[in-house]
Amino acid sequence: MFTAPVRGVYHFEWSVAAKGDNSHGSGAWLVKNTQNVFMAYEYEAYGFMSSSKAVALLLEVGDVVFVRLVAEGSNVAYDDKSHHTTFSGHLLKVSDIY
């Protein structure tokens, strides 16, 4: 989870990995406060695949951004020592315009 310390434009990236056994997908929403923003999703019948997304968001002080696994179906997120499932972000520009 990330909580914005200053008002500004932030860039976020997240990826979710799928290691297929033909029984589930791998999906994750980027969530701002309580609102789903974008989803990264992959369904792999066999083998390995991943899906990634990125977005720039204007955040107010105290806004919270996090990644939530898709609840529908039997979604899972695959990860191992190579860290295939990730979430990161950084401040692009402080915004003092109201």
N, C-alpha and C. Protein backbone atom coordinates (compact mmCIF):
# COMPACT_ATOMS: atom_id res chain seq x y z
N MET A 1 0.85 -1.19 0.00
CA MET A 1 0.00 0.00 0.00
C MET A 1 0.88 1.24 0.00
N PHE A 2 0.40 2.25 -0.71
CA PHE A 2 1.12 3.52 -0.77
C PHE A 2 0.15 4.63 -0.38
N THR A 3 0.58 5.53 0.49
CA THR A 3 -0.20 6.69 0.89
C THR A 3 0.53 7.94 0.42
N ALA A 4 -0.15 8.78 -0.35
CA ALA A 4 0.48 9.97 -0.92
C ALA A 4 0.84 10.98 0.18
N PRO A 5 2.11 11.35 0.26
CA PRO A 5 2.52 12.32 1.27
C PRO A 5 2.31 13.77 0.82
N VAL A 6 2.26 14.01 -0.51
CA VAL A 6 2.03 15.34 -1.06
C VAL A 6 1.08 15.23 -2.25
N ARG A 7 0.40 16.34 -2.56
CA ARG A 7 -0.46 16.38 -3.74
C ARG A 7 0.44 16.38 -4.97
N GLY A 8 0.14 15.52 -5.93
CA GLY A 8 0.95 15.48 -7.13
C GLY A 8 0.54 14.38 -8.07
N VAL A 9 1.26 14.29 -9.18
CA VAL A 9 1.03 13.26 -10.18
C VAL A 9 2.04 12.13 -9.92
N TYR A 10 1.51 10.93 -9.77
CA TYR A 10 2.33 9.76 -9.47
C TYR A 10 2.18 8.74 -10.60
N HIS A 11 3.26 8.06 -10.88
CA HIS A 11 3.26 7.00 -11.89
C HIS A 11 3.35 5.66 -11.18
N PHE A 12 2.43 4.74 -11.50
CA PHE A 12 2.42 3.41 -10.89
C PHE A 12 2.51 2.36 -11.97
N GLU A 13 3.20 1.28 -11.66
CA GLU A 13 3.30 0.10 -12.53
C GLU A 13 3.04 -1.13 -11.68
N TRP A 14 2.35 -2.10 -12.26
CA TRP A 14 2.16 -3.36 -11.57
C TRP A 14 2.07 -4.47 -12.60
N SER A 15 2.48 -5.64 -12.18
CA SER A 15 2.40 -6.81 -13.05
C SER A 15 1.93 -7.99 -12.22
N VAL A 16 1.28 -8.91 -12.90
CA VAL A 16 0.81 -10.13 -12.25
C VAL A 16 1.20 -11.29 -13.16
N ALA A 17 1.74 -12.33 -12.55
CA ALA A 17 2.24 -13.47 -13.30
C ALA A 17 1.26 -14.63 -13.22
N ALA A 18 1.24 -15.42 -14.29
CA ALA A 18 0.38 -16.61 -14.37
C ALA A 18 1.24 -17.80 -14.75
N LYS A 19 1.16 -18.83 -13.96
CA LYS A 19 1.81 -20.09 -14.29
C LYS A 19 0.68 -21.07 -14.54
N GLY A 20 0.45 -21.38 -15.81
CA GLY A 20 -0.76 -22.07 -16.22
C GLY A 20 -0.85 -23.53 -15.88
N ASP A 21 -2.00 -23.89 -15.39
CA ASP A 21 -2.38 -25.30 -15.23
C ASP A 21 -3.82 -25.48 -15.73
N ASN A 22 -4.31 -24.49 -16.50
CA ASN A 22 -5.64 -24.50 -17.10
C ASN A 22 -6.77 -24.50 -16.08
N SER A 23 -6.50 -23.99 -14.86
CA SER A 23 -7.57 -23.99 -13.85
C SER A 23 -7.85 -22.61 -13.26
N HIS A 24 -7.04 -21.61 -13.56
CA HIS A 24 -7.26 -20.29 -12.99
C HIS A 24 -6.56 -19.22 -13.81
N GLY A 25 -7.00 -18.00 -13.61
CA GLY A 25 -6.33 -16.84 -14.20
C GLY A 25 -5.55 -16.12 -13.13
N SER A 26 -4.81 -15.11 -13.56
CA SER A 26 -4.08 -14.24 -12.64
C SER A 26 -4.45 -12.81 -12.99
N GLY A 27 -5.06 -12.12 -12.05
CA GLY A 27 -5.49 -10.75 -12.30
C GLY A 27 -5.35 -9.91 -11.06
N ALA A 28 -5.01 -8.63 -11.26
CA ALA A 28 -4.87 -7.71 -10.14
C ALA A 28 -5.31 -6.31 -10.56
N TRP A 29 -6.13 -5.70 -9.71
CA TRP A 29 -6.59 -4.33 -9.90
C TRP A 29 -5.63 -3.37 -9.24
N LEU A 30 -5.37 -2.22 -9.87
CA LEU A 30 -4.77 -1.10 -9.17
C LEU A 30 -5.95 -0.33 -8.58
N VAL A 31 -5.91 -0.07 -7.28
CA VAL A 31 -7.02 0.57 -6.57
C VAL A 31 -6.55 1.90 -6.01
N LYS A 32 -7.35 2.95 -6.24
CA LYS A 32 -7.11 4.27 -5.63
C LYS A 32 -8.21 4.47 -4.61
N ASN A 33 -7.83 4.51 -3.34
CA ASN A 33 -8.77 4.58 -2.23
C ASN A 33 -9.69 3.36 -2.30
N THR A 34 -10.92 3.50 -2.78
CA THR A 34 -11.81 2.34 -2.92
C THR A 34 -12.18 2.05 -4.36
N GLN A 35 -11.63 2.82 -5.31
CA GLN A 35 -12.03 2.72 -6.71
C GLN A 35 -11.03 1.89 -7.52
N ASN A 36 -11.54 0.86 -8.22
CA ASN A 36 -10.71 0.11 -9.16
C ASN A 36 -10.35 1.03 -10.32
N VAL A 37 -9.06 1.11 -10.66
CA VAL A 37 -8.61 2.00 -11.72
C VAL A 37 -8.37 1.21 -13.01
N PHE A 38 -7.43 0.26 -12.98
CA PHE A 38 -7.12 -0.59 -14.13
C PHE A 38 -6.80 -1.99 -13.64
N MET A 39 -6.99 -2.96 -14.53
CA MET A 39 -6.69 -4.35 -14.19
C MET A 39 -5.61 -4.89 -15.12
N ALA A 40 -4.69 -5.64 -14.54
CA ALA A 40 -3.75 -6.45 -15.32
C ALA A 40 -4.24 -7.88 -15.17
N TYR A 41 -4.42 -8.60 -16.28
CA TYR A 41 -4.99 -9.96 -16.22
C TYR A 41 -4.32 -10.85 -17.24
N GLU A 42 -4.10 -12.09 -16.84
CA GLU A 42 -3.54 -13.10 -17.74
C GLU A 42 -4.15 -14.46 -17.41
N TYR A 43 -4.54 -15.19 -18.43
CA TYR A 43 -4.98 -16.57 -18.26
C TYR A 43 -4.07 -17.42 -19.15
N GLU A 44 -3.33 -18.28 -18.54
CA GLU A 44 -2.37 -19.10 -19.27
C GLU A 44 -2.74 -20.56 -19.07
N ALA A 45 -3.10 -21.24 -20.14
CA ALA A 45 -3.50 -22.65 -20.05
C ALA A 45 -2.33 -23.54 -19.65
N TYR A 46 -1.15 -23.20 -20.12
CA TYR A 46 0.05 -23.94 -19.73
C TYR A 46 1.26 -23.02 -19.93
N GLY A 47 2.30 -23.27 -19.19
CA GLY A 47 3.48 -22.42 -19.29
C GLY A 47 3.39 -21.20 -18.40
N PHE A 48 4.14 -20.17 -18.75
CA PHE A 48 4.24 -18.96 -17.93
C PHE A 48 4.00 -17.73 -18.79
N MET A 49 3.20 -16.80 -18.28
CA MET A 49 2.97 -15.50 -18.91
C MET A 49 2.77 -14.47 -17.81
N SER A 50 2.85 -13.20 -18.17
CA SER A 50 2.54 -12.15 -17.21
C SER A 50 1.85 -11.00 -17.94
N SER A 51 1.15 -10.19 -17.16
CA SER A 51 0.46 -9.01 -17.69
C SER A 51 0.88 -7.82 -16.85
N SER A 52 1.13 -6.70 -17.51
CA SER A 52 1.57 -5.49 -16.81
C SER A 52 0.74 -4.29 -17.26
N LYS A 53 0.60 -3.34 -16.37
CA LYS A 53 -0.08 -2.08 -16.66
C LYS A 53 0.67 -0.95 -15.99
N ALA A 54 0.41 0.27 -16.45
CA ALA A 54 0.96 1.47 -15.85
C ALA A 54 -0.05 2.60 -15.98
N VAL A 55 -0.02 3.52 -15.04
CA VAL A 55 -0.96 4.63 -15.05
C VAL A 55 -0.35 5.81 -14.29
N ALA A 56 -0.70 7.03 -14.71
CA ALA A 56 -0.35 8.24 -13.98
C ALA A 56 -1.62 8.75 -13.31
N LEU A 57 -1.55 9.04 -12.02
CA LEU A 57 -2.72 9.49 -11.27
C LEU A 57 -2.41 10.76 -10.51
N LEU A 58 -3.35 11.69 -10.50
CA LEU A 58 -3.27 12.85 -9.63
C LEU A 58 -3.78 12.42 -8.26
N LEU A 59 -2.94 12.51 -7.26
CA LEU A 59 -3.32 12.11 -5.91
C LEU A 59 -3.32 13.31 -4.97
N GLU A 60 -4.24 13.29 -4.04
CA GLU A 60 -4.28 14.27 -2.96
C GLU A 60 -3.55 13.68 -1.76
N VAL A 61 -3.12 14.54 -0.84
CA VAL A 61 -2.47 14.07 0.38
C VAL A 61 -3.39 13.07 1.07
N GLY A 62 -2.87 11.90 1.40
CA GLY A 62 -3.64 10.88 2.10
C GLY A 62 -4.31 9.86 1.21
N ASP A 63 -4.37 10.09 -0.11
CA ASP A 63 -4.93 9.08 -1.01
C ASP A 63 -4.08 7.81 -0.89
N VAL A 64 -4.75 6.67 -0.97
CA VAL A 64 -4.09 5.38 -0.83
C VAL A 64 -4.20 4.62 -2.15
N VAL A 65 -3.09 4.05 -2.60
CA VAL A 65 -3.04 3.26 -3.83
C VAL A 65 -2.45 1.90 -3.49
N PHE A 66 -3.08 0.84 -4.00
CA PHE A 66 -2.59 -0.51 -3.74
C PHE A 66 -3.08 -1.43 -4.85
N VAL A 67 -2.58 -2.66 -4.84
CA VAL A 67 -2.99 -3.68 -5.81
C VAL A 67 -3.80 -4.73 -5.08
N ARG A 68 -4.94 -5.11 -5.69
CA ARG A 68 -5.84 -6.11 -5.11
C ARG A 68 -6.04 -7.23 -6.12
N LEU A 69 -5.87 -8.46 -5.67
CA LEU A 69 -6.11 -9.62 -6.52
C LEU A 69 -7.57 -9.65 -6.94
N VAL A 70 -7.83 -9.94 -8.20
CA VAL A 70 -9.20 -10.05 -8.70
C VAL A 70 -9.93 -11.13 -7.91
N ALA A 71 -11.12 -10.80 -7.41
CA ALA A 71 -11.84 -11.71 -6.52
C ALA A 71 -12.66 -12.76 -7.26
N GLU A 72 -13.10 -12.46 -8.49
CA GLU A 72 -13.96 -13.39 -9.21
C GLU A 72 -13.19 -14.65 -9.62
N GLY A 73 -13.86 -15.78 -9.57
CA GLY A 73 -13.24 -17.03 -10.02
C GLY A 73 -12.15 -17.50 -9.07
N SER A 74 -11.21 -18.22 -9.61
CA SER A 74 -10.14 -18.77 -8.79
C SER A 74 -8.80 -18.14 -9.18
N ASN A 75 -8.75 -16.82 -9.17
CA ASN A 75 -7.54 -16.10 -9.55
C ASN A 75 -6.45 -16.26 -8.50
N VAL A 76 -5.23 -16.37 -8.97
CA VAL A 76 -4.07 -16.43 -8.09
C VAL A 76 -2.98 -15.55 -8.71
N ALA A 77 -2.01 -15.18 -7.92
CA ALA A 77 -0.84 -14.46 -8.42
C ALA A 77 0.37 -15.35 -8.18
N TYR A 78 1.11 -15.63 -9.24
CA TYR A 78 2.30 -16.47 -9.15
C TYR A 78 3.52 -15.61 -8.86
N ASP A 79 4.34 -16.06 -7.95
CA ASP A 79 5.59 -15.39 -7.68
C ASP A 79 6.59 -16.40 -7.16
N ASP A 80 7.85 -16.09 -7.32
CA ASP A 80 8.93 -16.90 -6.78
C ASP A 80 10.12 -15.97 -6.53
N LYS A 81 11.30 -16.52 -6.39
CA LYS A 81 12.47 -15.69 -6.07
C LYS A 81 12.80 -14.67 -7.16
N SER A 82 12.22 -14.82 -8.35
CA SER A 82 12.45 -13.87 -9.43
C SER A 82 11.50 -12.67 -9.39
N HIS A 83 10.54 -12.69 -8.46
CA HIS A 83 9.61 -11.57 -8.24
C HIS A 83 8.86 -11.17 -9.51
N HIS A 84 8.04 -12.08 -10.02
CA HIS A 84 7.27 -11.83 -11.24
C HIS A 84 6.05 -10.95 -11.00
N THR A 85 5.51 -10.94 -9.79
CA THR A 85 4.35 -10.13 -9.47
C THR A 85 4.84 -8.92 -8.67
N THR A 86 4.62 -7.71 -9.23
CA THR A 86 5.24 -6.52 -8.65
C THR A 86 4.27 -5.34 -8.58
N PHE A 87 4.63 -4.35 -7.77
CA PHE A 87 3.91 -3.09 -7.65
C PHE A 87 4.95 -2.02 -7.31
N SER A 88 4.98 -0.94 -8.10
CA SER A 88 5.92 0.14 -7.80
C SER A 88 5.35 1.45 -8.32
N GLY A 89 5.92 2.53 -7.83
CA GLY A 89 5.48 3.84 -8.27
C GLY A 89 6.43 4.93 -7.81
N HIS A 90 6.25 6.11 -8.40
CA HIS A 90 7.07 7.25 -7.99
C HIS A 90 6.35 8.55 -8.33
N LEU A 91 6.76 9.60 -7.66
CA LEU A 91 6.21 10.93 -7.87
C LEU A 91 6.79 11.52 -9.15
N LEU A 92 5.92 11.98 -10.05
CA LEU A 92 6.36 12.64 -11.28
C LEU A 92 6.46 14.16 -11.09
N LYS A 93 5.43 14.73 -10.47
CA LYS A 93 5.39 16.17 -10.34
C LYS A 93 4.52 16.58 -9.17
N VAL A 94 5.06 17.44 -8.32
CA VAL A 94 4.26 18.01 -7.25
C VAL A 94 3.31 19.01 -7.87
N SER A 95 2.05 18.96 -7.47
CA SER A 95 1.04 19.84 -8.05
C SER A 95 0.56 20.82 -7.00
N ASP A 96 0.84 22.11 -7.23
CA ASP A 96 0.35 23.13 -6.31
C ASP A 96 -0.80 23.93 -6.92
N ILE A 97 -1.30 23.44 -8.07
CA ILE A 97 -2.46 24.08 -8.72
C ILE A 97 -3.72 23.48 -8.12
N TYR A 98 -4.64 24.31 -7.72
CA TYR A 98 -5.87 23.82 -7.11
C TYR A 98 -6.97 24.05 -8.05
